[in-house]
Structures are given as structure tokens and as C-alpha cells.
């Protein structure tokens, strides 16, 4: 059984794969201070209910401190498993057609691979996470770059922190675009504002690219707004995990 681990700034998502089928998936908070032993305790607790033997592991992390502890944890507790950590030197099959390839997060690379494999190119990936990342995949599967914007949750955290009369509210679709109270005004800005931001950026990218085969939404916050995103054509919540599985397969010896 293959275990894929995607460590993000806010959440860590992991899943077990039987071939190309996801058997079980989990989402837990990312703790940049967690030690290798604490990571092992968390992962083993989640996996215990499945009662399966992990024979392979593929992982990526956007948090350097967690990546260091994750590497130690895998050596200490999963030395029997074939491990692939997505970092420089690992074969991904994705050409980075940008100014500085070292700047690209591993999650963006594996997301590009998954999108191209599932939908072909040219494609656009919209990842609703701590930041909203919009990445562009070429006709040949190259990573062409993209755009960053503040994520939904951190934007509203900043708003609540800097505006004395505003507070955090439940992220939900309001009754109408024109809010009748403070809560609805905030929800309108979140729901329609972020959808409009994504649509605006995607339309400009499509104008530069010409033909676009798919606009794929992913990330833990995607379900909040994608119904209002006119440009999104597909929703694949497990895009990064699928990409990790594909990278793992690419780095196995060929018989």
C-alpha cells in the first residue's frame, strides 16, 4: 500500500493508495514544531484503523521545518518502505519553464503533473489553500508559472485583526451580494470577492495562452467558492496526492 503525504502551511493531507485508487484519506493541522516522533504518532494513529502494511511512501512539504522532521521520521519508523521525497533530484517529468526553478514549491510541481495527466494541457490549476495559487500548465506539460494571492482564511484573519468593528464569521454564501448586516457583508466579500478574483486572473491567463483545456480547482478551501467561479471546469480535491502517486511511480525501478 502506498502512503502519500502533502504537508501544507495550514493542513497536512495524507492518503493511502491501492494502485490508482484512494483507499482512505485524512486531513490534520500542520504543526511546524512537531518532532519526528510526534509525526510518527499522528500518522500511525490514523493508519491503525486501516490495518494495512505501508510498502511505499511519497511526500512533499512546503514547510522546511516539517520536511526535516518528516525525513527523520521516515528513516526511523518506515525504513522498510520505499520512500520518495519530492525535492531537487527527484524525477517528476515536469519541466520548469520559469526564471528560477528553485523557487517553485514541490506541491505546485506535483499538482502540475497531476493536472496534465488527468486533463492534458494547456491547463490552469487553482489551489485554494493558505494562499490562492494559480498555476499554468503548457500543452506539453511544462510548468509555466502563475500567480499568488492571499488565501481566504488569512485574508479574513487580517481583516478582523486590523478593523476594530469586524470579526471572524462563518465562511458561507450570503443571501445576496448586497449584505444587510456585518456578517453578510463579510460573507459577500469572501464568497463573491474571491470567486471574482479567481475568474479575473484565469481569464487574463487564458487570453495569454489561447486555448485552455481545463481549469482545475483543488485545495481545502475550494468548496467554499468554486460554485460561483465561472471559469473553473473541474474540481479535484486530491490533485496533489494524485501527483505524489505519479511521482512515486516515476521513481521506481523499471523491470
Protein backbone atom coordinates (compact mmCIF):
# COMPACT_ATOMS: atom_id res chain seq x y z
CA UNK A 1 0.00 0.00 0.00
CA UNK A 2 1.28 3.45 -0.92
CA UNK A 3 1.03 6.34 1.55
CA UNK A 4 1.11 9.88 0.12
CA UNK A 5 1.72 12.87 2.41
CA UNK A 6 1.21 16.52 1.43
CA UNK A 7 2.42 18.90 4.15
CA UNK A 8 0.98 22.38 3.63
CA UNK A 9 1.36 25.56 5.63
CA UNK A 10 -2.00 25.10 7.37
CA UNK A 11 -3.00 21.44 6.92
CA UNK A 12 -1.34 18.14 6.20
CA UNK A 13 -3.28 15.81 3.91
CA UNK A 14 -2.45 12.15 3.54
CA UNK A 15 -3.98 9.18 1.78
CA UNK A 16 -3.38 5.52 1.12
CA UNK A 17 -3.47 4.23 -2.45
CA UNK A 18 -4.17 0.77 -3.80
CA UNK A 19 -2.92 1.19 -7.35
CA UNK A 20 -4.50 4.40 -8.60
CA UNK A 21 -7.44 4.17 -6.17
CA UNK A 22 -7.54 6.20 -2.96
CA UNK A 23 -8.47 3.85 -0.11
CA UNK A 24 -8.61 6.35 2.75
CA UNK A 25 -7.63 9.99 3.25
CA UNK A 26 -7.15 12.28 6.24
CA UNK A 27 -6.59 16.00 6.92
CA UNK A 28 -4.82 17.23 10.07
CA UNK A 29 -3.36 20.55 11.17
CA UNK A 30 0.27 21.21 10.30
CA UNK A 31 2.45 21.90 13.34
CA UNK A 32 5.83 23.32 12.31
CA UNK A 33 7.15 22.46 15.79
CA UNK A 34 6.22 18.76 15.64
CA UNK A 35 9.11 16.35 16.16
CA UNK A 36 9.75 13.21 14.15
CA UNK A 37 8.32 11.11 16.98
CA UNK A 38 5.17 13.23 17.16
CA UNK A 39 4.66 12.93 13.42
CA UNK A 40 5.03 9.15 13.66
CA UNK A 41 2.49 9.00 16.49
CA UNK A 42 -0.03 11.00 14.44
CA UNK A 43 0.42 9.04 11.23
CA UNK A 44 0.42 5.65 12.92
CA UNK A 45 -2.74 6.55 14.82
CA UNK A 46 -4.53 7.47 11.59
CA UNK A 47 -3.30 4.40 9.73
CA UNK A 48 -4.10 1.96 12.54
CA UNK A 49 -7.78 1.81 11.62
CA UNK A 50 -6.95 0.56 8.12
CA UNK A 51 -4.73 -2.26 9.32
CA UNK A 52 -2.65 -2.21 6.13
CA UNK A 53 1.07 -2.55 5.54
CA UNK A 54 2.71 0.53 4.05
CA UNK A 55 5.24 -0.55 1.43
CA UNK A 56 5.83 2.83 -0.23
CA UNK A 57 5.68 6.50 0.77
CA UNK A 58 5.65 9.66 -1.34
CA UNK A 59 5.73 13.04 0.37
CA UNK A 60 6.19 16.74 -0.22
CA UNK A 61 6.29 19.69 2.16
CA UNK A 62 6.09 23.46 1.83
CA UNK A 63 7.27 23.80 5.45
CA UNK A 64 11.06 23.28 5.72
CA UNK A 65 11.00 22.50 9.45
CA UNK A 66 8.42 19.75 8.94
CA UNK A 67 10.30 18.37 5.93
CA UNK A 68 13.38 17.92 8.11
CA UNK A 69 11.45 16.08 10.82
CA UNK A 70 9.49 14.11 8.24
CA UNK A 71 12.72 12.84 6.71
CA UNK A 72 13.91 11.71 10.14
CA UNK A 73 10.57 10.09 10.93
CA UNK A 74 10.54 8.09 7.70
CA UNK A 75 14.04 6.74 8.32
CA UNK A 76 13.27 5.87 11.93
CA UNK A 77 9.78 4.37 11.63
CA UNK A 78 9.32 3.41 7.97
CA UNK A 79 12.77 2.21 6.94
CA UNK A 80 11.15 -0.87 5.39
CA UNK A 81 9.17 1.24 2.91
CA UNK A 82 10.41 2.67 -0.38
CA UNK A 83 10.37 6.44 0.13
CA UNK A 84 10.25 9.31 -2.35
CA UNK A 85 10.50 12.87 -1.03
CA UNK A 86 9.79 15.44 -3.73
CA UNK A 87 12.80 17.73 -3.71
CA UNK A 88 15.65 18.61 -6.11
CA UNK A 89 16.98 15.50 -7.81
CA UNK A 90 13.67 13.62 -7.87
CA UNK A 91 12.27 12.81 -11.30
CA UNK A 92 8.87 14.44 -11.77
CA UNK A 93 8.65 14.66 -15.56
CA UNK A 94 7.70 18.35 -15.22
CA UNK A 95 9.90 20.89 -16.96
CA UNK A 96 10.04 24.17 -15.05
CA UNK A 97 9.88 26.88 -17.71
CA UNK A 98 10.41 29.78 -15.30
CA UNK A 99 13.20 32.15 -14.26
CA UNK A 100 14.29 30.35 -11.08
CA UNK A 101 13.20 26.70 -10.77
CA UNK A 102 14.48 26.55 -7.17
CA UNK A 103 11.69 28.89 -6.08
CA UNK A 104 8.87 26.54 -7.06
CA UNK A 105 7.17 24.65 -4.23
CA UNK A 106 7.09 20.89 -4.60
CA UNK A 107 3.30 20.88 -4.19
CA UNK A 108 2.94 23.09 -7.28
CA UNK A 109 5.14 20.72 -9.30
CA UNK A 110 3.18 17.59 -8.39
CA UNK A 111 -0.09 19.44 -8.95
CA UNK A 112 1.08 20.33 -12.44
CA UNK A 113 1.92 16.70 -13.15
CA UNK A 114 -1.47 15.50 -11.90
CA UNK A 115 -3.43 18.11 -13.86
CA UNK A 116 -1.60 17.33 -17.09
CA UNK A 117 -2.03 13.58 -16.58
CA UNK A 118 -5.75 13.86 -15.82
CA UNK A 119 -6.81 16.62 -18.20
CA UNK A 120 -3.96 17.33 -20.63
CA UNK A 121 -2.74 20.79 -21.48
CA UNK A 122 -2.76 23.65 -21.63
CA UNK A 123 -4.44 23.76 -18.22
CA UNK A 124 -4.73 26.04 -15.20
CA UNK A 125 -4.65 24.82 -11.58
CA UNK A 126 -6.31 26.92 -8.88
CA UNK A 127 -5.22 25.79 -5.42
CA UNK A 128 -7.33 27.28 -2.62
CA UNK A 129 -5.10 26.96 0.42
CA UNK A 130 -3.25 29.24 2.81
CA UNK A 131 -2.53 31.22 -0.33
CA UNK A 132 -4.56 31.02 -3.51
CA UNK A 133 -2.12 29.72 -6.11
CA UNK A 134 -2.98 29.80 -9.79
CA UNK A 135 -0.53 27.76 -11.86
CA UNK A 136 -0.32 27.30 -15.62
CA UNK A 137 0.50 24.07 -17.45
CA UNK A 138 1.59 24.17 -21.08
CA UNK A 139 0.43 21.98 -23.93
CA UNK A 140 3.49 19.80 -23.34
CA UNK A 141 3.06 19.58 -19.58
CA UNK A 142 5.56 22.30 -18.67
CA UNK A 143 5.12 24.45 -15.58
CA UNK A 144 4.90 27.98 -16.97
CA UNK A 145 4.42 29.96 -13.74
CA UNK A 146 1.30 31.60 -12.36
CA UNK A 147 0.01 33.99 -9.72
CA UNK A 148 -0.28 34.16 -5.94
CA UNK A 149 -3.00 35.87 -3.92
CA UNK A 150 -3.76 35.87 -0.17
CA UNK A 151 -5.87 32.89 0.82
CA UNK A 152 -9.44 33.17 2.04
CA UNK A 153 -8.77 32.45 5.71
CA UNK A 154 -5.66 34.59 6.15
CA UNK A 155 -7.37 37.48 4.38
CA UNK A 156 -10.24 37.42 6.84
CA UNK A 157 -7.91 36.92 9.79
CA UNK A 158 -6.04 40.06 8.75
CA UNK A 159 -9.30 41.96 8.28
CA UNK A 160 -10.57 41.01 11.72
CA UNK A 161 -7.22 41.89 13.29
CA UNK A 162 -6.91 45.31 11.65
CA UNK A 163 -10.53 46.52 11.71
CA UNK A 164 -11.82 47.18 15.22
CA UNK A 165 -15.52 46.61 14.46
CA UNK A 166 -15.12 43.50 12.31
CA UNK A 167 -14.82 39.91 13.47
CA UNK A 168 -14.36 36.44 12.08
CA UNK A 169 -17.52 34.91 10.63
CA UNK A 170 -18.53 31.55 9.23
CA UNK A 171 -17.45 31.31 5.59
CA UNK A 172 -20.72 30.75 3.78
CA UNK A 173 -22.75 32.01 0.84
CA UNK A 174 -24.83 35.04 1.93
CA UNK A 175 -28.47 35.63 0.99
CA UNK A 176 -27.44 38.20 -1.62
CA UNK A 177 -24.42 40.10 -2.88
CA UNK A 178 -25.64 43.20 -1.03
CA UNK A 179 -25.18 42.30 2.62
CA UNK A 180 -27.82 43.57 5.05
CA UNK A 181 -25.63 43.25 8.14
CA UNK A 182 -21.95 42.99 9.05
CA UNK A 183 -21.87 39.21 8.85
CA UNK A 184 -23.46 39.12 5.40
CA UNK A 185 -21.21 41.92 4.16
CA UNK A 186 -18.15 39.92 5.19
CA UNK A 187 -19.54 36.73 3.68
CA UNK A 188 -20.35 38.51 0.43
CA UNK A 189 -16.81 39.83 0.18
CA UNK A 190 -15.44 36.37 0.84
CA UNK A 191 -17.75 34.38 -1.40
CA UNK A 192 -18.21 36.63 -4.40
CA UNK A 193 -14.99 38.59 -3.98
CA UNK A 194 -12.65 35.59 -4.09
CA UNK A 195 -14.62 33.96 -6.90
CA UNK A 196 -14.34 37.18 -8.90
CA UNK A 197 -10.62 37.40 -8.17
CA UNK A 198 -10.02 33.88 -9.47
CA UNK A 199 -12.19 34.41 -12.55
CA UNK A 200 -10.41 37.66 -13.36
CA UNK A 201 -6.94 36.13 -13.13
CA UNK A 202 -7.92 32.98 -15.01
CA UNK A 203 -9.50 34.97 -17.86
CA UNK A 204 -6.34 37.05 -18.25
CA UNK A 205 -4.21 33.90 -18.27
CA UNK A 206 -6.47 32.28 -20.86
CA UNK A 207 -6.12 35.39 -23.03
CA UNK A 208 -2.32 34.94 -22.96
CA UNK A 209 -2.42 31.19 -23.51
CA UNK A 210 -5.18 31.00 -26.09
CA UNK A 211 -6.74 27.55 -25.83
CA UNK A 212 -7.15 26.11 -22.32
CA UNK A 213 -8.35 22.54 -21.92
CA UNK A 214 -9.18 22.60 -18.20
CA UNK A 215 -9.28 24.90 -15.18
CA UNK A 216 -8.89 22.64 -12.16
CA UNK A 217 -9.77 23.70 -8.61
CA UNK A 218 -8.17 21.97 -5.64
CA UNK A 219 -7.22 22.71 -2.03
CA UNK A 220 -9.07 22.53 1.25
CA UNK A 221 -10.91 25.84 0.79
CA UNK A 222 -12.07 25.21 -2.79
CA UNK A 223 -15.57 24.00 -1.81
CA UNK A 224 -16.29 27.39 -0.26
CA UNK A 225 -16.36 29.34 -3.51
CA UNK A 226 -15.99 27.16 -6.61
CA UNK A 227 -19.74 27.08 -7.27
CA UNK A 228 -19.50 30.80 -8.02
CA UNK A 229 -16.28 30.54 -10.06
CA UNK A 230 -17.42 30.74 -13.67
CA UNK A 231 -14.04 29.75 -15.12
CA UNK A 232 -13.49 26.53 -13.11
CA UNK A 233 -14.27 23.43 -15.18
CA UNK A 234 -13.14 20.64 -12.83
CA UNK A 235 -12.79 20.08 -9.08
CA UNK A 236 -10.20 17.54 -7.95
CA UNK A 237 -9.66 17.78 -4.17
CA UNK A 238 -6.93 15.12 -4.23
CA UNK A 239 -4.85 16.64 -7.03
CA UNK A 240 -1.61 16.91 -5.04
CA UNK A 241 -1.97 13.40 -3.62
CA UNK A 242 -2.52 12.04 -7.12
CA UNK A 243 0.57 13.92 -8.25
CA UNK A 244 2.59 12.36 -5.44
CA UNK A 245 1.46 8.91 -6.53
CA UNK A 246 2.56 9.67 -10.09
CA UNK A 247 5.97 10.93 -8.93
CA UNK A 248 6.41 7.82 -6.81
CA UNK A 249 5.70 5.61 -9.81
CA UNK A 250 8.16 7.56 -11.97
CA UNK A 251 10.94 6.96 -9.47
CA UNK A 252 10.57 3.18 -9.19
CA UNK A 253 13.00 0.85 -10.96
CA UNK A 254 11.67 -0.44 -14.26
CA UNK A 255 11.61 -4.18 -14.54
